[in-house]
Amino acid sequence: MSSSSVLDPAGPSVKPGDPKSFFHVKKLVGDAGLIQRRRGHYVGIATVLTVLLAGTVAGFFLLGDSWFQLLMAGALGLLLTQFAFLAHEAAHRQILASHKRNDKLGQFLANIVVGISYQWWMNKHNKHHATPNTIGKDPDIEWDTISFQPEDAKRQRGFLKWITERQGYLFFPLLTLEGLNLHMQSIKYLFQANRVKNRKREMTGIALRIALYLAAIFYFLPVGMAFAFIGVQLAVFGVYMGASFAPNHKGMPMVPENARIDFFSRQVLTGRNVMAKSNWGNRILSHVYGGLNYQVEHHLFPSMPRANLAAVSKIVREYCDEHQVPYTIASVRESYSQVITYLNKVGLSARDPFDCPLVSGYRIV
């Protein structure tokens, strides 16, 4: 193994560990009987979400021309994020035994329910799982309005530079546009990517979903209220999605592009778990975050059902404590505080040192 280290932009470097660690932990998890799927668990979640979605749709038709429709829009944004979590879990083969059936379920949920490309998500997310927080390889740390690396921050100019300098504080306001961005990026991928599995099927499904969605809203609501409804729904969807994925890796150690590091260390050192102090609190967080609050375990065992992650977390944490492997846990408040602090620190790289009034007096003209 190379002596290359995992580079932490906010602190000292952390050296990788034993390459056999994952196999030891995997055996412990297997011996505990935690590999099996939990189909009944997902049937329960899907049933509850479907009933809530049906209730939201019924509420939409019953309310008619009323600004209370914005409450329905917010509820729809929350529910679509929950269905996106299920699509994410289907993509990881967590729900059904067959890969093909998982793909069909995931594609239906992504295309018809949520309105984004399943293959776009698969392509992007698989790269992230293989190389989390790895410079030049993880698409989740590439620049997209927000800079996650100092080098990207330094390249910004004009209005984007102004945003970058304040990006930590602007993080949540910017997430209100993330819902629209996700839809646009996935559709762009379907048109521009060289090879896309089921391209025509995805295009047809998404086009049909968007057409029916817009037709219903503009038919039953006045134009101004219809645009407000769409805006609120997309804003809530974007904030919920972004707020669910951001605490997982942002502000955690970054891996140099060519570093050689064992799988266990790569996944554990770059991930952050968001946990409460009680078991019932963690159960609630697991539903709120779609299991993503157990990010370390999700990365170690991507096909692990959501319901098993809490038990797996205890095994992984005990192993890390025993072998002195850093295992990061934060509360909800702490996780977002760390993300905002990190983004602001990166954003400082975009600032001109002469922006300081005291220093600007020494500028050479």
Protein backbone atom coordinates (compact mmCIF):
# COMPACT_ATOMS: atom_id res chain seq x y z
CA MET A 1 0.00 0.00 0.00
CA SER A 2 1.16 3.50 -0.80
CA SER A 3 1.84 5.87 2.05
CA SER A 4 -0.43 8.42 0.37
CA SER A 5 -2.77 9.95 2.91
CA VAL A 6 -6.31 11.17 2.93
CA LEU A 7 -6.10 14.95 2.90
CA ASP A 8 -8.41 16.85 5.19
CA PRO A 9 -8.89 20.45 3.97
CA ALA A 10 -9.85 21.47 7.49
CA GLY A 11 -7.17 19.62 9.44
CA PRO A 12 -4.28 17.14 9.49
CA SER A 13 -3.95 14.19 7.12
CA VAL A 14 -5.24 10.75 8.09
CA LYS A 15 -3.36 7.64 7.04
CA PRO A 16 -5.20 4.67 5.53
CA GLY A 17 -5.52 1.44 7.47
CA ASP A 18 -5.51 -2.34 7.05
CA PRO A 19 -6.75 -3.42 3.58
CA LYS A 20 -8.34 -6.50 5.19
CA SER A 21 -10.53 -4.44 7.53
CA PHE A 22 -13.58 -4.59 5.29
CA PHE A 23 -13.52 -8.38 5.09
CA HIS A 24 -13.33 -8.62 8.88
CA VAL A 25 -16.31 -6.29 9.29
CA LYS A 26 -18.26 -8.00 6.51
CA LYS A 27 -17.90 -11.32 8.31
CA LEU A 28 -19.16 -9.78 11.55
CA VAL A 29 -22.16 -8.33 9.73
CA GLY A 30 -22.86 -11.63 8.00
CA ASP A 31 -22.61 -13.60 11.24
CA ALA A 32 -25.15 -11.20 12.78
CA GLY A 33 -27.63 -12.06 10.00
CA LEU A 34 -27.86 -8.51 8.71
CA ILE A 35 -27.30 -9.16 5.00
CA GLN A 36 -30.85 -10.29 4.25
CA ARG A 37 -33.31 -7.98 2.50
CA ARG A 38 -36.33 -6.54 4.34
CA ARG A 39 -39.08 -6.60 1.75
CA GLY A 40 -41.86 -6.18 4.32
CA HIS A 41 -40.19 -3.03 5.61
CA TYR A 42 -40.20 -1.48 2.15
CA VAL A 43 -43.78 -2.59 1.48
CA GLY A 44 -44.78 -0.70 4.63
CA ILE A 45 -42.88 2.45 3.60
CA ALA A 46 -44.26 2.36 0.05
CA THR A 47 -47.81 1.87 1.32
CA VAL A 48 -47.60 4.83 3.70
CA LEU A 49 -46.08 7.08 1.03
CA THR A 50 -48.67 6.06 -1.57
CA VAL A 51 -51.53 6.81 0.85
CA LEU A 52 -49.99 10.20 1.69
CA LEU A 53 -49.49 10.99 -1.99
CA ALA A 54 -53.10 10.05 -2.74
CA GLY A 55 -54.22 12.28 0.12
CA THR A 56 -52.15 15.17 -1.20
CA VAL A 57 -53.61 14.77 -4.69
CA ALA A 58 -57.12 14.61 -3.23
CA GLY A 59 -56.39 17.74 -1.21
CA PHE A 60 -55.24 19.48 -4.38
CA PHE A 61 -58.55 18.82 -6.15
CA LEU A 62 -60.68 19.61 -3.10
CA LEU A 63 -58.99 22.94 -2.35
CA GLY A 64 -59.38 24.28 -5.88
CA ASP A 65 -58.62 27.98 -6.38
CA SER A 66 -57.02 28.68 -2.99
CA TRP A 67 -53.60 29.82 -1.85
CA PHE A 68 -53.71 26.96 0.64
CA GLN A 69 -52.62 24.97 -2.42
CA LEU A 70 -49.08 26.02 -1.52
CA LEU A 71 -49.35 23.70 1.49
CA MET A 72 -50.14 20.87 -0.94
CA ALA A 73 -47.15 21.94 -3.03
CA GLY A 74 -44.87 21.74 0.01
CA ALA A 75 -46.27 18.35 0.98
CA LEU A 76 -45.74 17.12 -2.59
CA GLY A 77 -42.12 18.28 -2.49
CA LEU A 78 -41.53 16.28 0.69
CA LEU A 79 -43.23 13.16 -0.66
CA LEU A 80 -41.38 13.23 -3.98
CA THR A 81 -38.11 13.34 -2.05
CA GLN A 82 -39.20 10.28 -0.09
CA PHE A 83 -40.01 8.47 -3.34
CA ALA A 84 -36.58 9.54 -4.64
CA PHE A 85 -35.07 7.82 -1.60
CA LEU A 86 -36.86 4.62 -2.60
CA ALA A 87 -35.56 4.96 -6.17
CA HIS A 88 -32.07 5.38 -4.72
CA GLU A 89 -32.50 2.22 -2.65
CA ALA A 90 -33.81 0.27 -5.64
CA ALA A 91 -30.75 1.41 -7.61
CA HIS A 92 -28.58 -0.12 -4.87
CA ARG A 93 -30.52 -3.43 -5.04
CA GLN A 94 -31.77 -2.97 -1.49
CA ILE A 95 -35.46 -3.68 -2.06
CA LEU A 96 -35.89 -6.71 -4.36
CA ALA A 97 -33.72 -9.78 -4.92
CA SER A 98 -33.54 -9.43 -8.71
CA HIS A 99 -31.31 -6.75 -10.24
CA LYS A 100 -33.69 -6.46 -13.18
CA ARG A 101 -36.74 -5.93 -10.95
CA ASN A 102 -34.90 -3.38 -8.84
CA ASP A 103 -34.01 -1.48 -12.01
CA LYS A 104 -37.61 -1.54 -13.23
CA LEU A 105 -38.86 -0.33 -9.87
CA GLY A 106 -36.18 2.36 -9.66
CA GLN A 107 -36.86 3.56 -13.19
CA PHE A 108 -40.61 3.78 -12.54
CA LEU A 109 -40.11 5.74 -9.32
CA ALA A 110 -37.50 8.07 -10.84
CA ASN A 111 -39.16 8.66 -14.23
CA ILE A 112 -42.90 8.49 -13.54
CA VAL A 113 -43.15 9.59 -9.91
CA VAL A 114 -40.22 11.97 -9.37
CA GLY A 115 -39.60 13.04 -12.98
CA ILE A 116 -35.81 12.57 -13.25
CA SER A 117 -33.62 10.15 -15.21
CA TYR A 118 -32.82 6.89 -13.44
CA GLN A 119 -29.78 6.18 -15.63
CA TRP A 120 -28.38 9.67 -15.04
CA TRP A 121 -28.65 9.12 -11.31
CA MET A 122 -27.12 5.63 -11.55
CA ASN A 123 -24.16 6.85 -13.61
CA LYS A 124 -23.44 9.78 -11.29
CA HIS A 125 -24.09 8.00 -8.02
CA ASN A 126 -22.09 4.87 -8.83
CA LYS A 127 -19.02 7.02 -9.52
CA HIS A 128 -19.53 8.73 -6.18
CA HIS A 129 -19.75 5.43 -4.31
CA ALA A 130 -16.61 4.10 -5.96
CA THR A 131 -14.54 7.19 -5.17
CA PRO A 132 -16.19 9.35 -2.47
CA ASN A 133 -14.56 12.74 -1.94
CA THR A 134 -11.80 11.79 -4.38
CA ILE A 135 -10.47 14.80 -6.26
CA GLY A 136 -11.04 14.52 -10.00
CA LYS A 137 -13.21 11.39 -9.69
CA ASP A 138 -16.19 12.04 -7.42
CA PRO A 139 -18.86 13.98 -9.38
CA ASP A 140 -20.44 15.13 -6.11
CA ILE A 141 -17.51 17.46 -5.37
CA GLU A 142 -17.35 18.97 -8.86
CA TRP A 143 -18.21 22.65 -9.17
CA ASP A 144 -21.89 23.40 -9.70
CA THR A 145 -22.54 26.98 -8.50
CA ILE A 146 -21.00 25.92 -5.16
CA SER A 147 -17.25 25.25 -4.92
CA PHE A 148 -16.23 22.25 -2.82
CA GLN A 149 -12.50 22.66 -3.53
CA PRO A 150 -10.33 25.78 -3.09
CA GLU A 151 -9.06 25.47 -6.69
CA ASP A 152 -12.62 25.80 -8.01
CA ALA A 153 -13.30 28.77 -5.73
CA LYS A 154 -10.24 30.63 -7.02
CA ARG A 155 -11.47 30.33 -10.62
CA GLN A 156 -14.78 32.11 -10.05
CA ARG A 157 -15.34 35.61 -11.41
CA GLY A 158 -18.05 38.24 -11.26
CA PHE A 159 -21.36 37.29 -9.68
CA LEU A 160 -20.27 33.68 -9.21
CA LYS A 161 -17.27 34.93 -7.25
CA TRP A 162 -19.61 36.95 -5.02
CA ILE A 163 -21.70 33.82 -4.39
CA THR A 164 -18.62 31.68 -3.73
CA GLU A 165 -17.31 34.11 -1.13
CA ARG A 166 -20.56 33.67 0.83
CA GLN A 167 -21.51 30.16 -0.27
CA GLY A 168 -21.77 28.70 3.22
CA TYR A 169 -24.40 31.22 4.27
CA LEU A 170 -26.11 30.97 0.88
CA PHE A 171 -26.12 27.18 0.86
CA PHE A 172 -29.74 26.63 1.91
CA PRO A 173 -31.15 29.53 -0.18
CA LEU A 174 -29.33 28.09 -3.22
CA LEU A 175 -30.86 24.68 -2.55
CA THR A 176 -34.26 26.12 -3.43
CA LEU A 177 -33.03 25.95 -7.04
CA GLU A 178 -31.60 22.44 -6.71
CA GLY A 179 -34.89 20.75 -7.58
CA LEU A 180 -35.02 22.50 -10.94
CA ASN A 181 -31.32 21.79 -11.45
CA LEU A 182 -31.76 18.05 -10.86
CA HIS A 183 -34.55 17.85 -13.43
CA MET A 184 -32.57 19.85 -15.99
CA GLN A 185 -29.31 17.93 -15.49
CA SER A 186 -31.02 14.56 -15.85
CA ILE A 187 -32.86 15.58 -19.02
CA LYS A 188 -29.66 17.10 -20.43
CA TYR A 189 -27.90 13.78 -19.77
CA LEU A 190 -30.54 11.85 -21.74
CA PHE A 191 -30.03 14.09 -24.77
CA GLN A 192 -26.24 14.47 -24.66
CA ALA A 193 -24.73 11.27 -23.25
CA ASN A 194 -23.28 8.92 -25.85
CA ARG A 195 -24.77 5.76 -24.42
CA VAL A 196 -27.84 5.62 -22.20
CA LYS A 197 -29.64 2.39 -21.38
CA ASN A 198 -33.38 2.68 -22.11
CA ARG A 199 -32.90 6.23 -23.39
CA LYS A 200 -36.19 6.38 -25.34
CA ARG A 201 -38.15 4.73 -22.53
CA GLU A 202 -36.83 7.24 -20.01
CA MET A 203 -37.48 10.20 -22.28
CA THR A 204 -41.04 9.03 -22.89
CA GLY A 205 -41.73 8.38 -19.22
CA ILE A 206 -40.34 11.72 -18.03
CA ALA A 207 -42.08 13.68 -20.82
CA LEU A 208 -45.41 12.01 -19.99
CA ARG A 209 -44.99 12.67 -16.27
CA ILE A 210 -44.08 16.34 -16.73
CA ALA A 211 -46.89 16.89 -19.26
CA LEU A 212 -49.57 15.41 -17.00
CA TYR A 213 -48.21 17.26 -13.96
CA LEU A 214 -48.21 20.66 -15.70
CA ALA A 215 -51.56 20.05 -17.41
CA ALA A 216 -53.28 19.29 -14.09
CA ILE A 217 -51.80 22.30 -12.32
CA PHE A 218 -52.51 24.85 -15.06
CA TYR A 219 -55.99 23.43 -15.74
CA PHE A 220 -57.22 23.57 -12.14
CA LEU A 221 -55.33 26.66 -10.90
CA PRO A 222 -55.03 30.26 -12.11
CA VAL A 223 -51.76 30.95 -13.95
CA GLY A 224 -50.11 32.90 -11.11
CA MET A 225 -51.09 30.33 -8.50
CA ALA A 226 -49.96 27.51 -10.80
CA PHE A 227 -46.47 28.99 -11.13
CA ALA A 228 -46.35 29.56 -7.36
CA PHE A 229 -47.36 25.93 -6.79
CA ILE A 230 -44.60 24.63 -9.06
CA GLY A 231 -42.07 26.99 -7.49
CA VAL A 232 -42.85 25.89 -3.94
CA GLN A 233 -42.88 22.20 -4.86
CA LEU A 234 -39.49 22.41 -6.61
CA ALA A 235 -38.01 24.55 -3.82
CA VAL A 236 -39.06 22.12 -1.09
CA PHE A 237 -37.88 19.16 -3.16
CA GLY A 238 -34.51 20.82 -3.77
CA VAL A 239 -33.92 21.85 -0.16
CA TYR A 240 -34.96 18.44 1.18
CA MET A 241 -32.80 16.53 -1.32
CA GLY A 242 -29.78 18.79 -0.86
CA ALA A 243 -30.11 18.86 2.92
CA SER A 244 -30.28 15.06 2.99
CA PHE A 245 -27.14 14.45 0.94
CA ALA A 246 -24.94 17.39 2.02
CA PRO A 247 -24.10 16.22 5.57
CA ASN A 248 -22.81 12.88 4.30
CA HIS A 249 -19.41 13.96 2.94
CA LYS A 250 -19.11 17.74 2.75
CA GLY A 251 -16.35 18.96 5.02
CA MET A 252 -14.93 15.46 5.42
CA PRO A 253 -11.40 14.43 4.30
CA MET A 254 -10.61 14.65 0.59
CA VAL A 255 -8.67 11.91 -1.19
CA PRO A 256 -5.94 12.82 -3.75
CA GLU A 257 -6.79 11.62 -7.24
CA ASN A 258 -4.03 9.01 -7.48
CA ALA A 259 -3.93 7.95 -3.83
CA ARG A 260 -4.05 4.23 -3.10
CA ILE A 261 -6.24 3.57 -0.10
CA ASP A 262 -8.09 0.48 1.06
CA PHE A 263 -11.86 0.29 0.59
CA PHE A 264 -12.74 0.35 4.28
CA SER A 265 -10.63 3.43 5.05
CA ARG A 266 -11.87 5.27 1.96
CA GLN A 267 -15.51 4.79 2.90
CA VAL A 268 -15.22 5.35 6.67
CA LEU A 269 -12.85 8.32 6.69
CA THR A 270 -14.76 10.29 4.05
CA GLY A 271 -18.24 9.74 5.53
CA ARG A 272 -20.18 11.38 8.35
CA ASN A 273 -23.08 9.76 10.20
CA VAL A 274 -25.90 11.98 11.42
CA MET A 275 -27.27 10.49 14.63
CA ALA A 276 -29.44 11.31 17.62
CA LYS A 277 -28.78 10.41 21.24
CA SER A 278 -31.59 7.86 21.46
CA ASN A 279 -32.65 4.81 19.44
CA TRP A 280 -36.10 6.25 18.72
CA GLY A 281 -34.46 9.47 17.54
CA ASN A 282 -32.28 7.51 15.14
CA ARG A 283 -35.32 5.63 13.84
CA ILE A 284 -36.96 8.96 13.04
CA LEU A 285 -33.80 10.25 11.36
CA SER A 286 -33.58 7.07 9.31
CA HIS A 287 -37.03 7.78 7.85
CA VAL A 288 -36.35 11.51 7.41
CA TYR A 289 -33.04 10.91 5.61
CA GLY A 290 -34.01 7.72 3.82
CA GLY A 291 -31.27 5.84 5.70
CA LEU A 292 -28.60 8.26 4.51
CA ASN A 293 -27.93 9.33 8.09
CA TYR A 294 -25.99 6.03 8.35
CA GLN A 295 -23.72 7.15 5.54
CA VAL A 296 -20.64 5.18 6.57
CA GLU A 297 -22.54 1.89 6.68
CA HIS A 298 -24.42 2.70 3.47
CA HIS A 299 -21.10 3.15 1.67
CA LEU A 300 -19.60 -0.01 3.12
CA PHE A 301 -22.70 -2.06 2.27
CA PRO A 302 -24.60 -0.24 -0.52
CA SER A 303 -27.13 -3.08 -0.95
CA MET A 304 -27.89 -3.16 2.78
CA PRO A 305 -31.63 -2.53 3.53
CA ARG A 306 -32.30 0.70 5.36
CA ALA A 307 -33.80 -1.12 8.34
CA ASN A 308 -30.52 -3.00 9.03
CA LEU A 309 -28.18 -0.02 9.01
CA ALA A 310 -28.62 0.89 12.69
CA ALA A 311 -27.49 -2.57 13.81
CA VAL A 312 -24.62 -2.58 11.30
CA SER A 313 -23.57 0.84 12.59
CA LYS A 314 -22.93 -0.59 16.07
CA ILE A 315 -20.68 -3.31 14.61
CA VAL A 316 -18.70 -0.88 12.44
CA ARG A 317 -18.35 1.65 15.25
CA GLU A 318 -17.05 -0.98 17.69
CA TYR A 319 -14.56 -2.21 15.10
CA CYS A 320 -13.35 1.35 14.43
CA ASP A 321 -12.98 2.05 18.16
CA GLU A 322 -11.00 -1.16 18.64
CA HIS A 323 -8.65 -0.45 15.72
CA GLN A 324 -8.45 3.34 16.25
CA VAL A 325 -10.06 4.25 12.93
CA PRO A 326 -11.70 7.72 13.00
CA TYR A 327 -15.47 7.30 12.82
CA THR A 328 -17.37 10.58 12.52
CA ILE A 329 -20.74 11.15 14.15
CA ALA A 330 -22.59 14.47 14.35
CA SER A 331 -26.01 15.63 15.41
CA VAL A 332 -28.28 17.24 12.82
CA ARG A 333 -27.31 20.73 14.00
CA GLU A 334 -23.61 19.88 14.18
CA SER A 335 -23.58 18.32 10.72
CA TYR A 336 -25.06 21.38 9.02
CA SER A 337 -22.82 23.68 11.04
CA GLN A 338 -19.78 21.73 9.86
CA VAL A 339 -20.95 21.84 6.24
CA ILE A 340 -21.56 25.60 6.32
CA THR A 341 -18.23 26.24 8.05
CA TYR A 342 -16.40 24.15 5.46
CA LEU A 343 -18.11 25.83 2.50
CA ASN A 344 -17.30 29.27 3.90
CA LYS A 345 -13.68 28.24 4.40
CA VAL A 346 -13.44 27.07 0.79
CA GLY A 347 -15.22 30.24 -0.32
CA LEU A 348 -12.47 32.36 1.25
CA SER A 349 -10.20 31.10 -1.52
CA ALA A 350 -12.19 33.21 -3.99
CA ARG A 351 -11.56 36.43 -2.12
CA ASP A 352 -9.05 39.02 -3.21
CA PRO A 353 -6.78 39.84 -0.25
CA PHE A 354 -7.03 43.50 -1.29
CA ASP A 355 -10.79 43.39 -0.57
CA CYS A 356 -9.87 44.18 3.03
CA PRO A 357 -10.17 48.00 3.47
CA LEU A 358 -7.05 48.08 5.66
CA VAL A 359 -4.98 46.17 3.10
CA SER A 360 -6.43 47.94 0.08
CA GLY A 361 -4.61 51.10 1.14
CA TYR A 362 -1.35 49.37 0.29
CA ARG A 363 -2.50 48.24 -3.18
CA ILE A 364 0.04 49.07 -5.88
CA VAL A 365 -1.69 50.80 -8.77
